[in-house]
Amino acid sequence: MENNQLVAHAETSVHGTSEEVWEALTNPALIKQYMMGADVESSWKTGSKIVWKGEWQGKKFEDHGEVLDALPNKFLRYTHITGNELKKDPTNQHTVTVELDESDDHTNVMLTQDNNADQKALNDSEKNWKMFLEGLKKVVEENHS
């Protein structure tokens, strides 16, 4: 099976508007609260670069990506590669897609990540993204007006 066919999925329902969820997805101060304390730099506009920097489990990291598509409050698709992989093999990047669907007082957040190397990597990605979405949900719901 090709790696692009090994797609991780995660989703959650957030008590809040799609605008509030989008803000949590793109505001560096909010991202830092739920994404391993990472400092993120990006304009979140199509074609812009993304850099995530921080420390996780005692190790410094610097990951990179590029915004492929951005439709505020609806859709975000970007590439992601860890700094280690970038040095070894720049083709080992993932495409992350986040879709927002607002309904009543909730926003459903659906996330996928392609190009997982094997089933273990896919399972690890799903676990990490579920944790990420739970953190995002908490941040949005604590700030929901």
C-alpha atoms as a PDB file:
ATOM      1  CA  MET A   1       0.000   0.000   0.000  1.00  0.00           C
ATOM      2  CA  GLU A   2       1.294   3.458  -0.871  1.00  0.00           C
ATOM      3  CA  ASN A   3       1.962   5.831   2.035  1.00  0.00           C
ATOM      4  CA  ASN A   4      -0.488   8.419   0.697  1.00  0.00           C
ATOM      5  CA  GLN A   5      -3.200   5.807   1.202  1.00  0.00           C
ATOM      6  CA  LEU A   6      -2.351   5.529   4.905  1.00  0.00           C
ATOM      7  CA  VAL A   7      -4.427   8.496   6.032  1.00  0.00           C
ATOM      8  CA  ALA A   8      -4.916   9.344   9.693  1.00  0.00           C
ATOM      9  CA  HIS A   9      -8.333  10.700  10.714  1.00  0.00           C
ATOM     10  CA  ALA A  10      -9.443  12.626  13.783  1.00  0.00           C
ATOM     11  CA  GLU A  11     -12.508  14.702  14.510  1.00  0.00           C
ATOM     12  CA  THR A  12     -14.341  16.466  17.270  1.00  0.00           C
ATOM     13  CA  SER A  13     -17.336  18.681  17.859  1.00  0.00           C
ATOM     14  CA  VAL A  14     -16.586  22.029  19.472  1.00  0.00           C
ATOM     15  CA  HIS A  15     -19.118  24.197  21.307  1.00  0.00           C
ATOM     16  CA  GLY A  16     -18.314  27.407  19.437  1.00  0.00           C
ATOM     17  CA  THR A  17     -18.489  29.122  16.076  1.00  0.00           C
ATOM     18  CA  SER A  18     -16.333  28.299  13.079  1.00  0.00           C
ATOM     19  CA  GLU A  19     -14.771  31.772  13.499  1.00  0.00           C
ATOM     20  CA  GLU A  20     -13.699  30.853  17.047  1.00  0.00           C
ATOM     21  CA  VAL A  21     -12.285  27.521  15.892  1.00  0.00           C
ATOM     22  CA  TRP A  22     -10.444  29.206  13.001  1.00  0.00           C
ATOM     23  CA  GLU A  23      -8.952  31.716  15.437  1.00  0.00           C
ATOM     24  CA  ALA A  24      -7.691  28.831  17.601  1.00  0.00           C
ATOM     25  CA  LEU A  25      -6.221  27.130  14.513  1.00  0.00           C
ATOM     26  CA  THR A  26      -4.338  30.214  13.319  1.00  0.00           C
ATOM     27  CA  ASN A  27      -3.571  32.434  16.339  1.00  0.00           C
ATOM     28  CA  PRO A  28      -0.023  31.690  17.604  1.00  0.00           C
ATOM     29  CA  ALA A  29      -0.915  32.482  21.239  1.00  0.00           C
ATOM     30  CA  LEU A  30      -3.822  30.021  21.159  1.00  0.00           C
ATOM     31  CA  ILE A  31      -1.889  27.359  19.214  1.00  0.00           C
ATOM     32  CA  LYS A  32       0.823  27.453  21.869  1.00  0.00           C
ATOM     33  CA  GLN A  33      -1.777  26.441  24.493  1.00  0.00           C
ATOM     34  CA  TYR A  34      -2.635  23.108  22.856  1.00  0.00           C
ATOM     35  CA  MET A  35       0.204  22.205  20.475  1.00  0.00           C
ATOM     36  CA  MET A  36       3.098  21.115  22.703  1.00  0.00           C
ATOM     37  CA  GLY A  37       3.879  24.743  23.593  1.00  0.00           C
ATOM     38  CA  ALA A  38       5.056  25.394  20.032  1.00  0.00           C
ATOM     39  CA  ASP A  39       5.758  28.872  18.766  1.00  0.00           C
ATOM     40  CA  VAL A  40       4.214  29.136  15.301  1.00  0.00           C
ATOM     41  CA  GLU A  41       4.981  31.635  12.559  1.00  0.00           C
ATOM     42  CA  SER A  42       2.704  31.950   9.523  1.00  0.00           C
ATOM     43  CA  SER A  43       0.272  34.361   7.896  1.00  0.00           C
ATOM     44  CA  TRP A  44      -2.008  31.332   7.231  1.00  0.00           C
ATOM     45  CA  LYS A  45      -2.631  32.572   3.698  1.00  0.00           C
ATOM     46  CA  THR A  46      -2.308  30.260   0.680  1.00  0.00           C
ATOM     47  CA  GLY A  47       1.365  29.931  -0.266  1.00  0.00           C
ATOM     48  CA  SER A  48       2.747  31.163   3.058  1.00  0.00           C
ATOM     49  CA  LYS A  49       5.370  29.223   4.986  1.00  0.00           C
ATOM     50  CA  ILE A  50       4.742  27.766   8.441  1.00  0.00           C
ATOM     51  CA  VAL A  51       7.386  27.184  11.114  1.00  0.00           C
ATOM     52  CA  TRP A  52       6.676  25.409  14.404  1.00  0.00           C
ATOM     53  CA  LYS A  53       9.418  25.678  17.056  1.00  0.00           C
ATOM     54  CA  GLY A  54       9.575  24.378  20.557  1.00  0.00           C
ATOM     55  CA  GLU A  55      10.660  21.640  22.895  1.00  0.00           C
ATOM     56  CA  TRP A  56       8.879  18.314  23.348  1.00  0.00           C
ATOM     57  CA  GLN A  57       9.909  15.669  25.854  1.00  0.00           C
ATOM     58  CA  GLY A  58      13.226  17.426  26.435  1.00  0.00           C
ATOM     59  CA  LYS A  59      14.120  17.741  22.736  1.00  0.00           C
ATOM     60  CA  LYS A  60      14.059  20.919  20.691  1.00  0.00           C
ATOM     61  CA  PHE A  61      12.157  20.743  17.418  1.00  0.00           C
ATOM     62  CA  GLU A  62      11.628  22.908  14.360  1.00  0.00           C
ATOM     63  CA  ASP A  63       9.022  21.705  11.889  1.00  0.00           C
ATOM     64  CA  HIS A  64       8.155  23.287   8.561  1.00  0.00           C
ATOM     65  CA  GLY A  65       5.234  23.504   6.193  1.00  0.00           C
ATOM     66  CA  GLU A  66       3.392  25.546   3.628  1.00  0.00           C
ATOM     67  CA  VAL A  67      -0.239  26.591   3.449  1.00  0.00           C
ATOM     68  CA  LEU A  68      -1.699  24.932   0.344  1.00  0.00           C
ATOM     69  CA  ASP A  69      -5.276  26.213   0.705  1.00  0.00           C
ATOM     70  CA  ALA A  70      -6.933  28.447   3.251  1.00  0.00           C
ATOM     71  CA  LEU A  71     -10.575  29.440   3.303  1.00  0.00           C
ATOM     72  CA  PRO A  72     -11.089  31.199   6.656  1.00  0.00           C
ATOM     73  CA  ASN A  73     -13.679  29.594   8.950  1.00  0.00           C
ATOM     74  CA  LYS A  74     -14.093  26.642   6.538  1.00  0.00           C
ATOM     75  CA  PHE A  75     -10.968  24.869   5.320  1.00  0.00           C
ATOM     76  CA  LEU A  76      -7.204  24.712   5.905  1.00  0.00           C
ATOM     77  CA  ARG A  77      -4.763  22.447   4.086  1.00  0.00           C
ATOM     78  CA  TYR A  78      -1.018  22.566   4.658  1.00  0.00           C
ATOM     79  CA  THR A  79       2.130  20.489   4.421  1.00  0.00           C
ATOM     80  CA  HIS A  80       4.086  19.445   7.497  1.00  0.00           C
ATOM     81  CA  ILE A  81       7.512  17.894   7.903  1.00  0.00           C
ATOM     82  CA  THR A  82       9.672  17.529  10.980  1.00  0.00           C
ATOM     83  CA  GLY A  83      13.079  19.155  10.914  1.00  0.00           C
ATOM     84  CA  ASN A  84      14.766  15.736  11.148  1.00  0.00           C
ATOM     85  CA  GLU A  85      12.891  14.394   8.121  1.00  0.00           C
ATOM     86  CA  LEU A  86      13.503  17.592   6.151  1.00  0.00           C
ATOM     87  CA  LYS A  87      17.250  16.984   6.450  1.00  0.00           C
ATOM     88  CA  LYS A  88      16.979  13.261   5.604  1.00  0.00           C
ATOM     89  CA  ASP A  89      14.283  13.146   2.936  1.00  0.00           C
ATOM     90  CA  PRO A  90      12.143  16.181   2.100  1.00  0.00           C
ATOM     91  CA  THR A  91       9.597  13.932   0.355  1.00  0.00           C
ATOM     92  CA  ASN A  92       8.554  12.528   3.755  1.00  0.00           C
ATOM     93  CA  GLN A  93       6.122  15.352   4.332  1.00  0.00           C
ATOM     94  CA  HIS A  94       2.478  15.064   5.249  1.00  0.00           C
ATOM     95  CA  THR A  95      -0.507  16.996   4.006  1.00  0.00           C
ATOM     96  CA  VAL A  96      -2.837  17.991   6.830  1.00  0.00           C
ATOM     97  CA  THR A  97      -6.398  18.967   5.979  1.00  0.00           C
ATOM     98  CA  VAL A  98      -8.761  20.575   8.486  1.00  0.00           C
ATOM     99  CA  GLU A  99     -12.419  21.087   7.585  1.00  0.00           C
ATOM    100  CA  LEU A 100     -14.850  23.109   9.691  1.00  0.00           C
ATOM    101  CA  ASP A 101     -18.609  22.628   9.512  1.00  0.00           C
ATOM    102  CA  GLU A 102     -20.683  24.918  11.729  1.00  0.00           C
ATOM    103  CA  SER A 103     -24.102  23.717  12.815  1.00  0.00           C
ATOM    104  CA  ASP A 104     -26.250  25.462  15.423  1.00  0.00           C
ATOM    105  CA  ASP A 105     -23.906  26.262  18.328  1.00  0.00           C
ATOM    106  CA  HIS A 106     -21.251  23.674  17.418  1.00  0.00           C
ATOM    107  CA  THR A 107     -18.495  23.382  14.861  1.00  0.00           C
ATOM    108  CA  ASN A 108     -17.463  19.945  13.669  1.00  0.00           C
ATOM    109  CA  VAL A 109     -13.724  19.735  13.055  1.00  0.00           C
ATOM    110  CA  MET A 110     -12.525  16.987  10.714  1.00  0.00           C
ATOM    111  CA  LEU A 111      -8.776  16.467  10.275  1.00  0.00           C
ATOM    112  CA  THR A 112      -6.779  14.148   8.023  1.00  0.00           C
ATOM    113  CA  GLN A 113      -3.039  13.585   7.610  1.00  0.00           C
ATOM    114  CA  ASP A 114      -1.712  11.593   4.658  1.00  0.00           C
ATOM    115  CA  ASN A 115       1.615   9.902   3.909  1.00  0.00           C
ATOM    116  CA  ASN A 116       1.940   7.849   7.091  1.00  0.00           C
ATOM    117  CA  ALA A 117       4.829   5.401   6.677  1.00  0.00           C
ATOM    118  CA  ASP A 118       3.050   2.354   8.102  1.00  0.00           C
ATOM    119  CA  GLN A 119       0.146   1.294  10.319  1.00  0.00           C
ATOM    120  CA  LYS A 120       2.042   2.161  13.519  1.00  0.00           C
ATOM    121  CA  ALA A 121       2.771   5.676  12.205  1.00  0.00           C
ATOM    122  CA  LEU A 122      -0.900   6.029  11.234  1.00  0.00           C
ATOM    123  CA  ASN A 123      -2.036   4.931  14.724  1.00  0.00           C
ATOM    124  CA  ASP A 124       0.455   7.317  16.368  1.00  0.00           C
ATOM    125  CA  SER A 125      -0.711  10.176  14.120  1.00  0.00           C
ATOM    126  CA  GLU A 126      -4.364   9.536  14.969  1.00  0.00           C
ATOM    127  CA  LYS A 127      -3.565   9.462  18.685  1.00  0.00           C
ATOM    128  CA  ASN A 128      -1.604  12.736  18.450  1.00  0.00           C
ATOM    129  CA  TRP A 129      -4.236  14.487  16.325  1.00  0.00           C
ATOM    130  CA  LYS A 130      -7.034  13.406  18.693  1.00  0.00           C
ATOM    131  CA  MET A 131      -5.036  14.899  21.576  1.00  0.00           C
ATOM    132  CA  PHE A 132      -4.462  18.042  19.492  1.00  0.00           C
ATOM    133  CA  LEU A 133      -8.188  18.385  18.717  1.00  0.00           C
ATOM    134  CA  GLU A 134      -9.146  17.862  22.368  1.00  0.00           C
ATOM    135  CA  GLY A 135      -6.759  20.687  23.274  1.00  0.00           C
ATOM    136  CA  LEU A 136      -8.193  22.902  20.532  1.00  0.00           C
ATOM    137  CA  LYS A 137     -11.717  22.123  21.758  1.00  0.00           C
ATOM    138  CA  LYS A 138     -10.776  23.051  25.333  1.00  0.00           C
ATOM    139  CA  VAL A 139      -9.199  26.364  24.253  1.00  0.00           C
ATOM    140  CA  VAL A 140     -12.201  27.339  22.110  1.00  0.00           C
ATOM    141  CA  GLU A 141     -14.794  26.343  24.716  1.00  0.00           C
ATOM    142  CA  GLU A 142     -12.962  28.188  27.515  1.00  0.00           C
ATOM    143  CA  ASN A 143     -12.974  31.353  25.384  1.00  0.00           C
ATOM    144  CA  HIS A 144     -16.448  30.858  23.835  1.00  0.00           C
ATOM    145  CA  SER A 145     -18.642  33.901  24.262  1.00  0.00           C
END
